[in-house]
Amino acid sequence: MQSVSSRAMAEARQECVGRYELTMPDDADVALTIPTAFSKPQENPIRFSNDQPAVHSVFIYNGTFRITGSMSHAEFGSILGGIKTRVSSSSVSTDENGRFEVVPVGRPDAFAWAGQRAAGFYIYENRRAISFRESSSEPSVAKQRTEAVLKGLSARNAYEIPKGDGVCLPGMFVADNGKDSARQVGVTFRLKNHPDVTIFFSMRKRWQLTPSLRLNRRVSSYGVMNTELASGSSLLERRLTGLSSSMAGRVSRLRRSSRATTTRRIMDI
C-alpha cells in the first residue's frame, strides 16, 4: 500500500499565490466566492464547494476581487444586466459621486464602469465569473487602477505558473510592472485526497525590509495549517511545515533568471 508521504511526494503540484510560487503536497481544491455574493453582501462569502467557509481568504490587489467558478454564463448575464441598468440610470443623479459612466473594455463578456471616486468591472472568462471594485478619495484614481488591472488580467488554469511580473489569484493572473498600491491575497486550499487538511497561504504588502514567515496554527498530523507570509525584499525560498516533514510545501519568490528556459520572477515589493 502506498504511504501518504510517498503519494504526496509523487503528486506535488506547483501553484502561485500573489507574487510567490509554492509547491503543494497534493492536488487541492480552492475556496472561491459564492455566486450570491455578487448580488449582495454575504457572511463568509468565500467557501469551498461543500459550503465550508474559508474565513481568512481575501482577494485584494489594487482593489477587491470576487471570483467564482460556480456561476453559469446565463447567471452572469443576468447579474451583468442589472449592473448595466444601474449605471445607465445613474446619469440622472444630482450627486456627482453617484453618477457613473461606461468604460470601454474591448473584450467579450466584460463590462466596466467608473465614477468620480469608484470604478470596477465584471468579466466572465474560462468558466469563471470575476468582479472587481476599487475606490479612492482622489478623483479618477480608481478608474486608472481599474483600467490597469483589466488590461493585465488573464485567465489561468490551476497549477499554471505565468511568466513575467504580476500577481496570481485563483484562476487568474494580473500582469504588472512589479508595483501595486494595495495587495492582500489570502487563498485557502483543501487537499482532495485528505479533505481534513486545509492550507491557508496569505501574502500581503508590508512596508518593511525583513520578511517574516509565521505559522498561525500548526497541527502535527492532519488538520488545519495556516501559513501567513508578510513579504519583504530578500526572501527567496522558505519551506512550509506543519503536516509532516515529508508533506512540506515549498514556497519560493518568483524569480527572473537570465536563461529563458528557467524564467521566474523577482520584483521589488
Protein backbone atom coordinates (compact mmCIF):
# COMPACT_ATOMS: atom_id res chain seq x y z
CA MET A 1 0.00 0.00 0.00
CA GLN A 2 1.36 3.41 -0.95
CA SER A 3 2.03 5.62 2.05
CA VAL A 4 0.63 9.11 2.42
CA SER A 5 4.10 10.66 2.34
CA SER A 6 5.23 8.88 -0.84
CA ARG A 7 1.96 9.71 -2.59
CA ALA A 8 2.31 13.35 -1.58
CA MET A 9 5.83 13.50 -2.99
CA ALA A 10 4.69 11.90 -6.23
CA GLU A 11 1.68 14.19 -6.69
CA ALA A 12 3.24 17.51 -5.68
CA ARG A 13 1.94 20.45 -7.73
CA GLN A 14 3.32 23.90 -8.44
CA GLU A 15 0.93 26.77 -7.77
CA CYS A 16 1.21 30.51 -7.30
CA VAL A 17 -0.37 32.93 -4.83
CA GLY A 18 0.24 36.65 -5.07
CA ARG A 19 3.85 37.14 -6.18
CA TYR A 20 5.02 33.76 -4.89
CA GLU A 21 5.27 30.26 -6.30
CA LEU A 22 4.69 27.33 -3.97
CA THR A 23 4.76 23.56 -4.13
CA MET A 24 1.54 21.92 -2.97
CA PRO A 25 1.95 18.41 -1.48
CA ASP A 26 -1.04 17.09 -3.43
CA ASP A 27 -3.92 18.06 -5.69
CA ALA A 28 -6.17 20.57 -3.90
CA ASP A 29 -9.48 22.39 -4.11
CA VAL A 30 -9.56 26.17 -3.72
CA ALA A 31 -12.15 28.19 -1.81
CA LEU A 32 -13.83 30.80 -4.03
CA THR A 33 -16.53 33.46 -3.77
CA ILE A 34 -20.07 32.10 -3.64
CA PRO A 35 -22.28 33.35 -6.51
CA THR A 36 -24.81 35.07 -4.23
CA ALA A 37 -22.06 37.43 -3.02
CA PHE A 38 -22.01 39.01 -6.48
CA SER A 39 -25.51 40.39 -5.86
CA LYS A 40 -25.45 41.29 -2.17
CA PRO A 41 -23.08 41.07 0.83
CA GLN A 42 -22.79 37.64 2.43
CA GLU A 43 -21.34 36.37 5.66
CA ASN A 44 -18.20 34.35 4.87
CA PRO A 45 -18.51 34.90 1.10
CA ILE A 46 -15.51 32.71 0.24
CA ARG A 47 -16.20 28.99 0.64
CA PHE A 48 -15.47 25.54 -0.71
CA SER A 49 -17.96 23.72 -2.94
CA ASN A 50 -19.49 21.93 0.07
CA ASP A 51 -20.17 25.32 1.71
CA GLN A 52 -17.26 25.04 4.16
CA PRO A 53 -16.24 28.67 4.84
CA ALA A 54 -12.71 29.94 4.28
CA VAL A 55 -12.89 32.79 6.77
CA HIS A 56 -9.35 34.06 6.21
CA SER A 57 -9.38 34.11 2.41
CA VAL A 58 -9.27 37.50 0.74
CA PHE A 59 -8.64 38.63 -2.84
CA ILE A 60 -7.26 42.19 -2.84
CA TYR A 61 -4.92 43.61 -5.46
CA ASN A 62 -5.29 47.33 -6.23
CA GLY A 63 -8.95 46.75 -5.35
CA THR A 64 -11.22 43.92 -4.24
CA PHE A 65 -11.98 40.85 -6.34
CA ARG A 66 -14.82 38.34 -6.23
CA ILE A 67 -14.00 35.12 -8.07
CA THR A 68 -16.26 32.12 -8.59
CA GLY A 69 -16.33 29.01 -10.71
CA SER A 70 -19.90 28.14 -9.72
CA MET A 71 -21.79 30.63 -11.88
CA SER A 72 -23.20 29.79 -15.30
CA HIS A 73 -22.83 32.12 -18.25
CA ALA A 74 -26.59 32.79 -18.12
CA GLU A 75 -26.47 33.68 -14.42
CA PHE A 76 -23.58 36.03 -15.08
CA GLY A 77 -25.53 37.67 -17.89
CA SER A 78 -28.45 38.29 -15.55
CA ILE A 79 -26.23 39.96 -12.95
CA LEU A 80 -24.48 42.00 -15.61
CA GLY A 81 -27.81 43.21 -16.95
CA GLY A 82 -28.67 44.63 -13.55
CA ILE A 83 -25.30 46.36 -13.27
CA LYS A 84 -25.70 47.95 -16.71
CA THR A 85 -29.17 49.23 -15.76
CA ARG A 86 -27.89 50.83 -12.56
CA VAL A 87 -25.00 52.51 -14.37
CA SER A 88 -27.34 53.84 -17.06
CA SER A 89 -29.92 55.16 -14.58
CA SER A 90 -27.22 56.91 -12.52
CA SER A 91 -26.94 59.62 -15.20
CA VAL A 92 -29.92 61.45 -13.65
CA SER A 93 -28.36 61.58 -10.18
CA THR A 94 -27.85 65.06 -8.73
CA ASP A 95 -24.82 63.79 -6.79
CA GLU A 96 -21.70 63.71 -8.96
CA ASN A 97 -20.34 60.85 -6.84
CA GLY A 98 -23.47 58.89 -7.67
CA ARG A 99 -23.09 59.20 -11.44
CA PHE A 100 -21.23 56.51 -13.37
CA GLU A 101 -20.07 56.08 -16.94
CA VAL A 102 -19.36 53.05 -19.08
CA VAL A 103 -15.64 52.38 -19.61
CA PRO A 104 -14.69 50.78 -22.96
CA VAL A 105 -13.43 47.25 -22.42
CA GLY A 106 -12.70 45.73 -25.83
CA ARG A 107 -13.12 42.10 -24.74
CA PRO A 108 -16.14 39.75 -24.75
CA ASP A 109 -18.35 39.07 -21.74
CA ALA A 110 -16.97 42.07 -19.88
CA PHE A 111 -18.32 45.39 -18.62
CA ALA A 112 -16.51 48.21 -16.83
CA TRP A 113 -17.84 51.32 -15.11
CA ALA A 114 -16.36 54.36 -13.37
CA GLY A 115 -17.41 57.31 -11.26
CA GLN A 116 -15.58 60.15 -9.59
CA ARG A 117 -14.24 58.06 -6.72
CA ALA A 118 -15.05 54.44 -7.57
CA ALA A 119 -14.70 52.10 -10.51
CA GLY A 120 -14.89 48.42 -11.33
CA PHE A 121 -15.60 45.70 -13.85
CA TYR A 122 -17.32 42.35 -14.38
CA ILE A 123 -15.96 39.65 -16.66
CA TYR A 124 -16.72 36.03 -17.49
CA GLU A 125 -13.75 34.07 -18.79
CA ASN A 126 -12.59 30.44 -18.70
CA ARG A 127 -15.86 29.44 -16.97
CA ARG A 128 -15.21 31.85 -14.11
CA ALA A 129 -17.07 34.99 -13.15
CA ILE A 130 -14.92 37.80 -11.80
CA SER A 131 -15.84 41.19 -10.40
CA PHE A 132 -13.51 43.97 -9.29
CA ARG A 133 -14.10 47.22 -7.43
CA GLU A 134 -11.74 49.99 -6.35
CA SER A 135 -12.42 53.29 -4.60
CA SER A 136 -10.23 56.31 -3.93
CA SER A 137 -10.63 59.73 -2.36
CA GLU A 138 -8.77 61.18 -5.35
CA PRO A 139 -10.90 61.75 -8.46
CA SER A 140 -10.16 59.42 -11.40
CA VAL A 141 -7.56 57.36 -9.49
CA ALA A 142 -9.95 54.42 -9.08
CA LYS A 143 -10.67 54.46 -12.81
CA GLN A 144 -6.97 54.44 -13.68
CA ARG A 145 -6.28 51.50 -11.38
CA THR A 146 -9.30 49.59 -12.68
CA GLU A 147 -8.23 50.06 -16.30
CA ALA A 148 -4.69 48.90 -15.45
CA VAL A 149 -5.94 45.77 -13.68
CA LEU A 150 -8.34 44.92 -16.51
CA LYS A 151 -5.59 45.41 -19.09
CA GLY A 152 -3.26 42.99 -17.28
CA LEU A 153 -5.93 40.42 -16.42
CA SER A 154 -5.82 36.97 -17.98
CA ALA A 155 -7.30 33.59 -17.10
CA ARG A 156 -5.06 30.75 -15.99
CA ASN A 157 -5.64 27.10 -15.18
CA ALA A 158 -4.88 25.52 -11.83
CA TYR A 159 -1.14 24.87 -11.38
CA GLU A 160 -0.29 27.14 -14.32
CA ILE A 161 2.63 29.44 -13.43
CA PRO A 162 2.61 32.58 -15.62
CA LYS A 163 5.77 34.22 -16.90
CA GLY A 164 6.59 37.84 -16.18
CA ASP A 165 5.83 40.23 -13.34
CA GLY A 166 2.37 40.14 -11.83
CA VAL A 167 0.04 38.73 -9.19
CA CYS A 168 -1.66 35.32 -9.10
CA LEU A 169 -5.18 34.86 -7.79
CA PRO A 170 -7.31 31.71 -8.12
CA GLY A 171 -7.89 31.04 -11.82
CA MET A 172 -6.41 34.34 -12.92
CA PHE A 173 -3.26 36.42 -13.26
CA VAL A 174 -2.76 40.19 -13.40
CA ALA A 175 0.39 41.26 -15.21
CA ASP A 176 2.03 44.44 -13.93
CA ASN A 177 5.37 46.19 -13.51
CA GLY A 178 6.01 44.72 -10.07
CA LYS A 179 4.36 47.59 -8.21
CA ASP A 180 0.92 47.97 -6.63
CA SER A 181 -0.98 50.26 -4.27
CA ALA A 182 -2.62 47.51 -2.20
CA ARG A 183 -2.16 43.75 -2.01
CA GLN A 184 -3.61 41.21 0.39
CA VAL A 185 -4.03 37.85 -1.29
CA GLY A 186 -5.10 35.02 1.01
CA VAL A 187 -6.00 31.67 -0.56
CA THR A 188 -7.30 28.57 1.24
CA PHE A 189 -6.53 25.15 -0.24
CA ARG A 190 -8.03 21.79 0.80
CA LEU A 191 -6.25 18.59 -0.21
CA LYS A 192 -8.50 16.37 -2.32
CA ASN A 193 -7.04 13.12 -1.01
CA HIS A 194 -7.04 14.41 2.56
CA PRO A 195 -10.01 16.81 2.88
CA ASP A 196 -9.33 17.23 6.60
CA VAL A 197 -6.15 19.12 5.65
CA THR A 198 -6.63 22.80 4.88
CA ILE A 199 -3.70 25.04 3.92
CA PHE A 200 -4.02 28.81 4.06
CA PHE A 201 -1.41 30.96 2.33
CA SER A 202 -1.52 34.73 2.69
CA MET A 203 0.65 37.36 1.06
CA ARG A 204 0.16 40.98 1.92
CA LYS A 205 2.03 44.16 1.26
CA ARG A 206 4.07 45.34 4.21
CA TRP A 207 6.49 48.22 4.34
CA GLN A 208 9.47 46.55 5.94
CA LEU A 209 12.80 45.15 4.81
CA THR A 210 12.80 41.94 6.82
CA PRO A 211 10.48 39.20 5.59
CA SER A 212 8.60 37.11 8.10
CA LEU A 213 7.00 33.70 7.83
CA ARG A 214 4.71 32.59 10.60
CA LEU A 215 2.58 29.57 11.17
CA ASN A 216 -0.58 30.90 12.80
CA ARG A 217 -1.83 27.46 13.60
CA ARG A 218 0.11 24.23 13.37
CA VAL A 219 -1.16 20.67 13.58
CA SER A 220 1.42 17.88 13.76
CA SER A 221 -0.55 15.32 11.77
CA TYR A 222 -3.63 16.18 9.71
CA GLY A 223 -5.60 19.30 10.37
CA VAL A 224 -5.50 22.99 9.55
CA MET A 225 -2.24 24.63 8.63
CA ASN A 226 -2.49 28.37 8.26
CA THR A 227 0.58 29.99 6.77
CA GLU A 228 0.88 33.74 6.50
CA LEU A 229 3.79 35.32 4.72
CA ALA A 230 4.48 39.02 5.03
CA SER A 231 6.65 39.87 2.07
CA GLY A 232 9.94 41.72 2.28
CA SER A 233 12.76 42.30 -0.16
CA SER A 234 15.15 39.38 0.33
CA LEU A 235 13.12 36.21 0.71
CA LEU A 236 13.96 33.69 -1.99
CA GLU A 237 12.84 30.38 -0.55
CA ARG A 238 11.15 29.03 2.58
CA ARG A 239 9.68 25.68 3.49
CA LEU A 240 6.22 25.27 4.95
CA THR A 241 5.96 22.60 7.62
CA GLY A 242 3.03 21.53 9.73
CA LEU A 243 1.65 18.40 8.09
CA SER A 244 4.81 16.32 8.34
CA SER A 245 8.34 16.76 7.07
CA SER A 246 7.61 14.61 4.04
CA MET A 247 4.49 16.62 3.12
CA ALA A 248 6.09 20.03 3.48
CA GLY A 249 5.13 22.50 0.80
CA ARG A 250 7.80 24.75 -0.64
CA VAL A 251 7.38 28.46 -1.18
CA SER A 252 9.75 30.45 -3.34
CA ARG A 253 9.90 34.01 -4.53
CA LEU A 254 9.06 34.17 -8.23
CA ARG A 255 12.46 34.91 -9.70
CA ARG A 256 13.79 36.02 -13.04
CA SER A 257 16.74 34.12 -14.48
CA SER A 258 18.89 35.24 -17.41
CA ARG A 259 18.01 31.94 -19.10
CA ALA A 260 14.69 31.95 -20.89
CA THR A 261 14.16 28.25 -20.20
CA THR A 262 14.18 28.83 -16.44
CA THR A 263 12.38 32.15 -16.27
CA ARG A 264 10.95 33.03 -12.90
CA ARG A 265 10.26 36.39 -11.42
CA ILE A 266 11.53 38.73 -8.78
CA MET A 267 10.37 42.24 -8.17
CA ASP A 268 10.64 44.94 -5.51
CA ILE A 269 7.69 45.00 -3.13
